[in-house]
Amino acid sequence: MVEDGQDPSMPERYGWRFLRAAASRPTTARAQETAQHVLMREAIMKTRGLAERLRTAQEALRESAS
């Protein structure tokens, strides 16, 4: 859609609230995680800049819903 010059559409059920809830999964430690798993998850989030990308996506979806 974007390549055709149109704004992309997002089904309402996958809006910013869905993304906010889904974003907590890779950012929140689980009770059964080992220290090694915590460090791997944190390294992936940091090196790929995923936390910032998730926030940016949430903001974009929130703005498009308004």
PDB file of N, CA and C in Angstrom:
ATOM      1  N   MET A   1       0.811  -1.190   0.000  1.00  0.00           N
ATOM      2  CA  MET A   1       0.000   0.000   0.000  1.00  0.00           C
ATOM      3  C   MET A   1       0.859   1.259   0.000  1.00  0.00           C
ATOM      4  N   VAL A   2       1.898   1.253   0.811  1.00  0.00           N
ATOM      5  CA  VAL A   2       2.771   2.419   0.912  1.00  0.00           C
ATOM      6  C   VAL A   2       3.455   2.686  -0.423  1.00  0.00           C
ATOM      7  N   GLU A   3       3.900   1.624  -1.080  1.00  0.00           N
ATOM      8  CA  GLU A   3       4.566   1.789  -2.366  1.00  0.00           C
ATOM      9  C   GLU A   3       3.631   2.360  -3.430  1.00  0.00           C
ATOM     10  N   ASP A   4       2.324   2.140  -3.241  1.00  0.00           N
ATOM     11  CA  ASP A   4       1.326   2.694  -4.164  1.00  0.00           C
ATOM     12  C   ASP A   4       0.889   4.089  -3.753  1.00  0.00           C
ATOM     13  N   GLY A   5       1.514   4.648  -2.714  1.00  0.00           N
ATOM     14  CA  GLY A   5       1.192   5.992  -2.266  1.00  0.00           C
ATOM     15  C   GLY A   5       0.002   6.073  -1.338  1.00  0.00           C
ATOM     16  N   GLN A   6      -0.427   4.950  -0.806  1.00  0.00           N
ATOM     17  CA  GLN A   6      -1.562   4.930   0.104  1.00  0.00           C
ATOM     18  C   GLN A   6      -1.081   4.730   1.536  1.00  0.00           C
ATOM     19  N   ASP A   7      -1.853   5.257   2.459  1.00  0.00           N
ATOM     20  CA  ASP A   7      -1.549   5.013   3.867  1.00  0.00           C
ATOM     21  C   ASP A   7      -1.918   3.573   4.197  1.00  0.00           C
ATOM     22  N   PRO A   8      -1.050   2.876   4.921  1.00  0.00           N
ATOM     23  CA  PRO A   8      -1.389   1.497   5.292  1.00  0.00           C
ATOM     24  C   PRO A   8      -2.534   1.479   6.294  1.00  0.00           C
ATOM     25  N   SER A   9      -3.305   0.427   6.259  1.00  0.00           N
ATOM     26  CA  SER A   9      -4.389   0.292   7.231  1.00  0.00           C
ATOM     27  C   SER A   9      -4.043  -0.838   8.192  1.00  0.00           C
ATOM     28  N   MET A  10      -4.538  -0.693   9.393  1.00  0.00           N
ATOM     29  CA  MET A  10      -4.277  -1.674  10.439  1.00  0.00           C
ATOM     30  C   MET A  10      -5.624  -2.106  10.999  1.00  0.00           C
ATOM     31  N   PRO A  11      -5.892  -3.399  11.034  1.00  0.00           N
ATOM     32  CA  PRO A  11      -7.148  -3.832  11.656  1.00  0.00           C
ATOM     33  C   PRO A  11      -7.208  -3.300  13.091  1.00  0.00           C
ATOM     34  N   GLU A  12      -8.370  -2.837  13.498  1.00  0.00           N
ATOM     35  CA  GLU A  12      -8.511  -2.201  14.804  1.00  0.00           C
ATOM     36  C   GLU A  12      -8.063  -3.102  15.951  1.00  0.00           C
ATOM     37  N   ARG A  13      -8.292  -4.398  15.820  1.00  0.00           N
ATOM     38  CA  ARG A  13      -7.897  -5.298  16.913  1.00  0.00           C
ATOM     39  C   ARG A  13      -6.384  -5.377  17.086  1.00  0.00           C
ATOM     40  N   TYR A  14      -5.607  -4.945  16.080  1.00  0.00           N
ATOM     41  CA  TYR A  14      -4.147  -4.933  16.184  1.00  0.00           C
ATOM     42  C   TYR A  14      -3.612  -3.516  16.301  1.00  0.00           C
ATOM     43  N   GLY A  15      -4.350  -2.657  16.950  1.00  0.00           N
ATOM     44  CA  GLY A  15      -3.960  -1.268  17.129  1.00  0.00           C
ATOM     45  C   GLY A  15      -2.899  -1.098  18.203  1.00  0.00           C
ATOM     46  N   TRP A  16      -2.777   0.128  18.684  1.00  0.00           N
ATOM     47  CA  TRP A  16      -1.714   0.445  19.641  1.00  0.00           C
ATOM     48  C   TRP A  16      -1.891  -0.272  20.974  1.00  0.00           C
ATOM     49  N   ARG A  17      -3.116  -0.537  21.376  1.00  0.00           N
ATOM     50  CA  ARG A  17      -3.315  -1.255  22.646  1.00  0.00           C
ATOM     51  C   ARG A  17      -2.806  -2.692  22.553  1.00  0.00           C
ATOM     52  N   PHE A  18      -3.068  -3.331  21.419  1.00  0.00           N
ATOM     53  CA  PHE A  18      -2.560  -4.683  21.196  1.00  0.00           C
ATOM     54  C   PHE A  18      -1.036  -4.674  21.226  1.00  0.00           C
ATOM     55  N   LEU A  19      -0.432  -3.697  20.535  1.00  0.00           N
ATOM     56  CA  LEU A  19       1.026  -3.624  20.484  1.00  0.00           C
ATOM     57  C   LEU A  19       1.608  -3.333  21.860  1.00  0.00           C
ATOM     58  N   ARG A  20       0.952  -2.494  22.640  1.00  0.00           N
ATOM     59  CA  ARG A  20       1.421  -2.198  23.997  1.00  0.00           C
ATOM     60  C   ARG A  20       1.439  -3.476  24.839  1.00  0.00           C
ATOM     61  N   ALA A  21       0.385  -4.266  24.736  1.00  0.00           N
ATOM     62  CA  ALA A  21       0.328  -5.517  25.488  1.00  0.00           C
ATOM     63  C   ALA A  21       1.373  -6.507  24.983  1.00  0.00           C
ATOM     64  N   ALA A  22       1.528  -6.604  23.669  1.00  0.00           N
ATOM     65  CA  ALA A  22       2.499  -7.535  23.096  1.00  0.00           C
ATOM     66  C   ALA A  22       3.933  -7.106  23.406  1.00  0.00           C
ATOM     67  N   ALA A  23       4.177  -5.815  23.513  1.00  0.00           N
ATOM     68  CA  ALA A  23       5.529  -5.310  23.768  1.00  0.00           C
ATOM     69  C   ALA A  23       6.035  -5.705  25.144  1.00  0.00           C
ATOM     70  N   SER A  24       5.140  -5.976  26.069  1.00  0.00           N
ATOM     71  CA  SER A  24       5.590  -6.337  27.409  1.00  0.00           C
ATOM     72  C   SER A  24       6.225  -7.728  27.436  1.00  0.00           C
ATOM     73  N   ARG A  25       5.858  -8.573  26.496  1.00  0.00           N
ATOM     74  CA  ARG A  25       6.399  -9.945  26.502  1.00  0.00           C
ATOM     75  C   ARG A  25       7.919  -9.976  26.320  1.00  0.00           C
ATOM     76  N   PRO A  26       8.498  -9.303  25.328  1.00  0.00           N
ATOM     77  CA  PRO A  26       9.963  -9.374  25.201  1.00  0.00           C
ATOM     78  C   PRO A  26      10.706  -8.460  26.167  1.00  0.00           C
ATOM     79  N   THR A  27      10.001  -7.574  26.860  1.00  0.00           N
ATOM     80  CA  THR A  27      10.691  -6.637  27.746  1.00  0.00           C
ATOM     81  C   THR A  27      10.595  -6.981  29.223  1.00  0.00           C
ATOM     82  N   THR A  28       9.731  -7.911  29.566  1.00  0.00           N
ATOM     83  CA  THR A  28       9.510  -8.249  30.976  1.00  0.00           C
ATOM     84  C   THR A  28      10.063  -9.634  31.293  1.00  0.00           C
ATOM     85  N   ALA A  29      10.826  -9.709  32.376  1.00  0.00           N
ATOM     86  CA  ALA A  29      11.396 -10.991  32.795  1.00  0.00           C
ATOM     87  C   ALA A  29      10.295 -11.929  33.275  1.00  0.00           C
ATOM     88  N   ARG A  30      10.475 -13.194  33.016  1.00  0.00           N
ATOM     89  CA  ARG A  30       9.546 -14.229  33.473  1.00  0.00           C
ATOM     90  C   ARG A  30      10.095 -14.873  34.741  1.00  0.00           C
ATOM     91  N   ALA A  31       9.220 -15.407  35.528  1.00  0.00           N
ATOM     92  CA  ALA A  31       9.623 -15.994  36.808  1.00  0.00           C
ATOM     93  C   ALA A  31      10.599 -17.152  36.642  1.00  0.00           C
ATOM     94  N   GLN A  32      10.472 -17.933  35.569  1.00  0.00           N
ATOM     95  CA  GLN A  32      11.311 -19.118  35.395  1.00  0.00           C
ATOM     96  C   GLN A  32      12.544 -18.874  34.532  1.00  0.00           C
ATOM     97  N   GLU A  33      12.790 -17.633  34.136  1.00  0.00           N
ATOM     98  CA  GLU A  33      13.959 -17.346  33.297  1.00  0.00           C
ATOM     99  C   GLU A  33      15.264 -17.543  34.070  1.00  0.00           C
ATOM    100  N   THR A  34      16.223 -18.102  33.384  1.00  0.00           N
ATOM    101  CA  THR A  34      17.560 -18.191  33.969  1.00  0.00           C
ATOM    102  C   THR A  34      18.262 -16.860  33.741  1.00  0.00           C
ATOM    103  N   ALA A  35      19.330 -16.645  34.445  1.00  0.00           N
ATOM    104  CA  ALA A  35      20.102 -15.416  34.273  1.00  0.00           C
ATOM    105  C   ALA A  35      20.620 -15.303  32.837  1.00  0.00           C
ATOM    106  N   GLN A  36      21.010 -16.412  32.263  1.00  0.00           N
ATOM    107  CA  GLN A  36      21.502 -16.402  30.886  1.00  0.00           C
ATOM    108  C   GLN A  36      20.398 -15.975  29.917  1.00  0.00           C
ATOM    109  N   HIS A  37      19.192 -16.460  30.137  1.00  0.00           N
ATOM    110  CA  HIS A  37      18.068 -16.096  29.287  1.00  0.00           C
ATOM    111  C   HIS A  37      17.750 -14.604  29.413  1.00  0.00           C
ATOM    112  N   VAL A  38      17.787 -14.087  30.628  1.00  0.00           N
ATOM    113  CA  VAL A  38      17.549 -12.658  30.855  1.00  0.00           C
ATOM    114  C   VAL A  38      18.567 -11.831  30.090  1.00  0.00           C
ATOM    115  N   LEU A  39      19.838 -12.204  30.199  1.00  0.00           N
ATOM    116  CA  LEU A  39      20.895 -11.461  29.518  1.00  0.00           C
ATOM    117  C   LEU A  39      20.751 -11.530  28.001  1.00  0.00           C
ATOM    118  N   MET A  40      20.376 -12.688  27.470  1.00  0.00           N
ATOM    119  CA  MET A  40      20.180 -12.811  26.017  1.00  0.00           C
ATOM    120  C   MET A  40      19.025 -11.927  25.559  1.00  0.00           C
ATOM    121  N   ARG A  41      17.921 -11.975  26.288  1.00  0.00           N
ATOM    122  CA  ARG A  41      16.761 -11.173  25.916  1.00  0.00           C
ATOM    123  C   ARG A  41      17.092  -9.692  25.967  1.00  0.00           C
ATOM    124  N   GLU A  42      17.760  -9.249  27.014  1.00  0.00           N
ATOM    125  CA  GLU A  42      18.138  -7.844  27.137  1.00  0.00           C
ATOM    126  C   GLU A  42      19.113  -7.422  26.045  1.00  0.00           C
ATOM    127  N   ALA A  43      20.054  -8.299  25.697  1.00  0.00           N
ATOM    128  CA  ALA A  43      21.012  -7.979  24.635  1.00  0.00           C
ATOM    129  C   ALA A  43      20.316  -7.820  23.290  1.00  0.00           C
ATOM    130  N   ILE A  44      19.373  -8.685  23.012  1.00  0.00           N
ATOM    131  CA  ILE A  44      18.627  -8.591  21.748  1.00  0.00           C
ATOM    132  C   ILE A  44      17.830  -7.292  21.710  1.00  0.00           C
ATOM    133  N   MET A  45      17.143  -6.982  22.787  1.00  0.00           N
ATOM    134  CA  MET A  45      16.349  -5.754  22.827  1.00  0.00           C
ATOM    135  C   MET A  45      17.238  -4.521  22.635  1.00  0.00           C
ATOM    136  N   LYS A  46      18.400  -4.531  23.270  1.00  0.00           N
ATOM    137  CA  LYS A  46      19.283  -3.367  23.210  1.00  0.00           C
ATOM    138  C   LYS A  46      19.978  -3.245  21.858  1.00  0.00           C
ATOM    139  N   THR A  47      20.565  -4.315  21.368  1.00  0.00           N
ATOM    140  CA  THR A  47      21.344  -4.225  20.127  1.00  0.00           C
ATOM    141  C   THR A  47      20.481  -3.954  18.905  1.00  0.00           C
ATOM    142  N   ARG A  48      19.251  -4.393  18.925  1.00  0.00           N
ATOM    143  CA  ARG A  48      18.349  -4.164  17.795  1.00  0.00           C
ATOM    144  C   ARG A  48      17.507  -2.912  17.969  1.00  0.00           C
ATOM    145  N   GLY A  49      17.586  -2.273  19.134  1.00  0.00           N
ATOM    146  CA  GLY A  49      16.807  -1.065  19.377  1.00  0.00           C
ATOM    147  C   GLY A  49      15.310  -1.327  19.397  1.00  0.00           C
ATOM    148  N   LEU A  50      14.929  -2.520  19.828  1.00  0.00           N
ATOM    149  CA  LEU A  50      13.524  -2.907  19.756  1.00  0.00           C
ATOM    150  C   LEU A  50      12.618  -2.103  20.678  1.00  0.00           C
ATOM    151  N   ALA A  51      13.076  -1.731  21.839  1.00  0.00           N
ATOM    152  CA  ALA A  51      12.229  -0.971  22.764  1.00  0.00           C
ATOM    153  C   ALA A  51      11.808   0.355  22.122  1.00  0.00           C
ATOM    154  N   GLU A  52      12.757   1.041  21.531  1.00  0.00           N
ATOM    155  CA  GLU A  52      12.443   2.316  20.869  1.00  0.00           C
ATOM    156  C   GLU A  52      11.543   2.098  19.657  1.00  0.00           C
ATOM    157  N   ARG A  53      11.786   1.062  18.899  1.00  0.00           N
ATOM    158  CA  ARG A  53      10.948   0.776  17.728  1.00  0.00           C
ATOM    159  C   ARG A  53       9.523   0.442  18.136  1.00  0.00           C
ATOM    160  N   LEU A  54       9.371  -0.298  19.220  1.00  0.00           N
ATOM    161  CA  LEU A  54       8.033  -0.613  19.715  1.00  0.00           C
ATOM    162  C   LEU A  54       7.301   0.648  20.163  1.00  0.00           C
ATOM    163  N   ARG A  55       8.006   1.551  20.868  1.00  0.00           N
ATOM    164  CA  ARG A  55       7.391   2.811  21.297  1.00  0.00           C
ATOM    165  C   ARG A  55       6.978   3.654  20.092  1.00  0.00           C
ATOM    166  N   THR A  56       7.847   3.718  19.087  1.00  0.00           N
ATOM    167  CA  THR A  56       7.543   4.490  17.892  1.00  0.00           C
ATOM    168  C   THR A  56       6.334   3.922  17.155  1.00  0.00           C
ATOM    169  N   ALA A  57       6.267   2.606  17.061  1.00  0.00           N
ATOM    170  CA  ALA A  57       5.130   1.969  16.402  1.00  0.00           C
ATOM    171  C   ALA A  57       3.847   2.235  17.173  1.00  0.00           C
ATOM    172  N   GLN A  58       3.891   2.169  18.490  1.00  0.00           N
ATOM    173  CA  GLN A  58       2.710   2.454  19.297  1.00  0.00           C
ATOM    174  C   GLN A  58       2.235   3.886  19.084  1.00  0.00           C
ATOM    175  N   GLU A  59       3.169   4.838  19.065  1.00  0.00           N
ATOM    176  CA  GLU A  59       2.810   6.229  18.846  1.00  0.00           C
ATOM    177  C   GLU A  59       2.182   6.426  17.475  1.00  0.00           C
ATOM    178  N   ALA A  60       2.752   5.792  16.458  1.00  0.00           N
ATOM    179  CA  ALA A  60       2.207   5.924  15.107  1.00  0.00           C
ATOM    180  C   ALA A  60       0.798   5.357  15.021  1.00  0.00           C
ATOM    181  N   LEU A  61       0.588   4.200  15.646  1.00  0.00           N
ATOM    182  CA  LEU A  61      -0.739   3.609  15.645  1.00  0.00           C
ATOM    183  C   LEU A  61      -1.734   4.447  16.436  1.00  0.00           C
ATOM    184  N   ARG A  62      -1.278   5.014  17.534  1.00  0.00           N
ATOM    185  CA  ARG A  62      -2.156   5.856  18.362  1.00  0.00           C
ATOM    186  C   ARG A  62      -2.573   7.104  17.576  1.00  0.00           C
ATOM    187  N   GLU A  63      -1.616   7.711  16.877  1.00  0.00           N
ATOM    188  CA  GLU A  63      -1.920   8.895  16.078  1.00  0.00           C
ATOM    189  C   GLU A  63      -2.860   8.583  14.924  1.00  0.00           C
ATOM    190  N   SER A  64      -2.691   7.441  14.296  1.00  0.00           N
ATOM    191  CA  SER A  64      -3.541   7.080  13.158  1.00  0.00           C
ATOM    192  C   SER A  64      -4.953   6.746  13.596  1.00  0.00           C
ATOM    193  N   ALA A  65      -5.119   6.349  14.863  1.00  0.00           N
ATOM    194  CA  ALA A  65      -6.459   6.027  15.384  1.00  0.00           C
ATOM    195  C   ALA A  65      -7.233   7.287  15.736  1.00  0.00           C
ATOM    196  N   SER A  66      -6.536   8.392  15.927  1.00  0.00           N
ATOM    197  CA  SER A  66      -7.203   9.632  16.332  1.00  0.00           C
ATOM    198  C   SER A  66      -7.912  10.305  15.187  1.00  0.00           C
TER     199      SER A  66
END
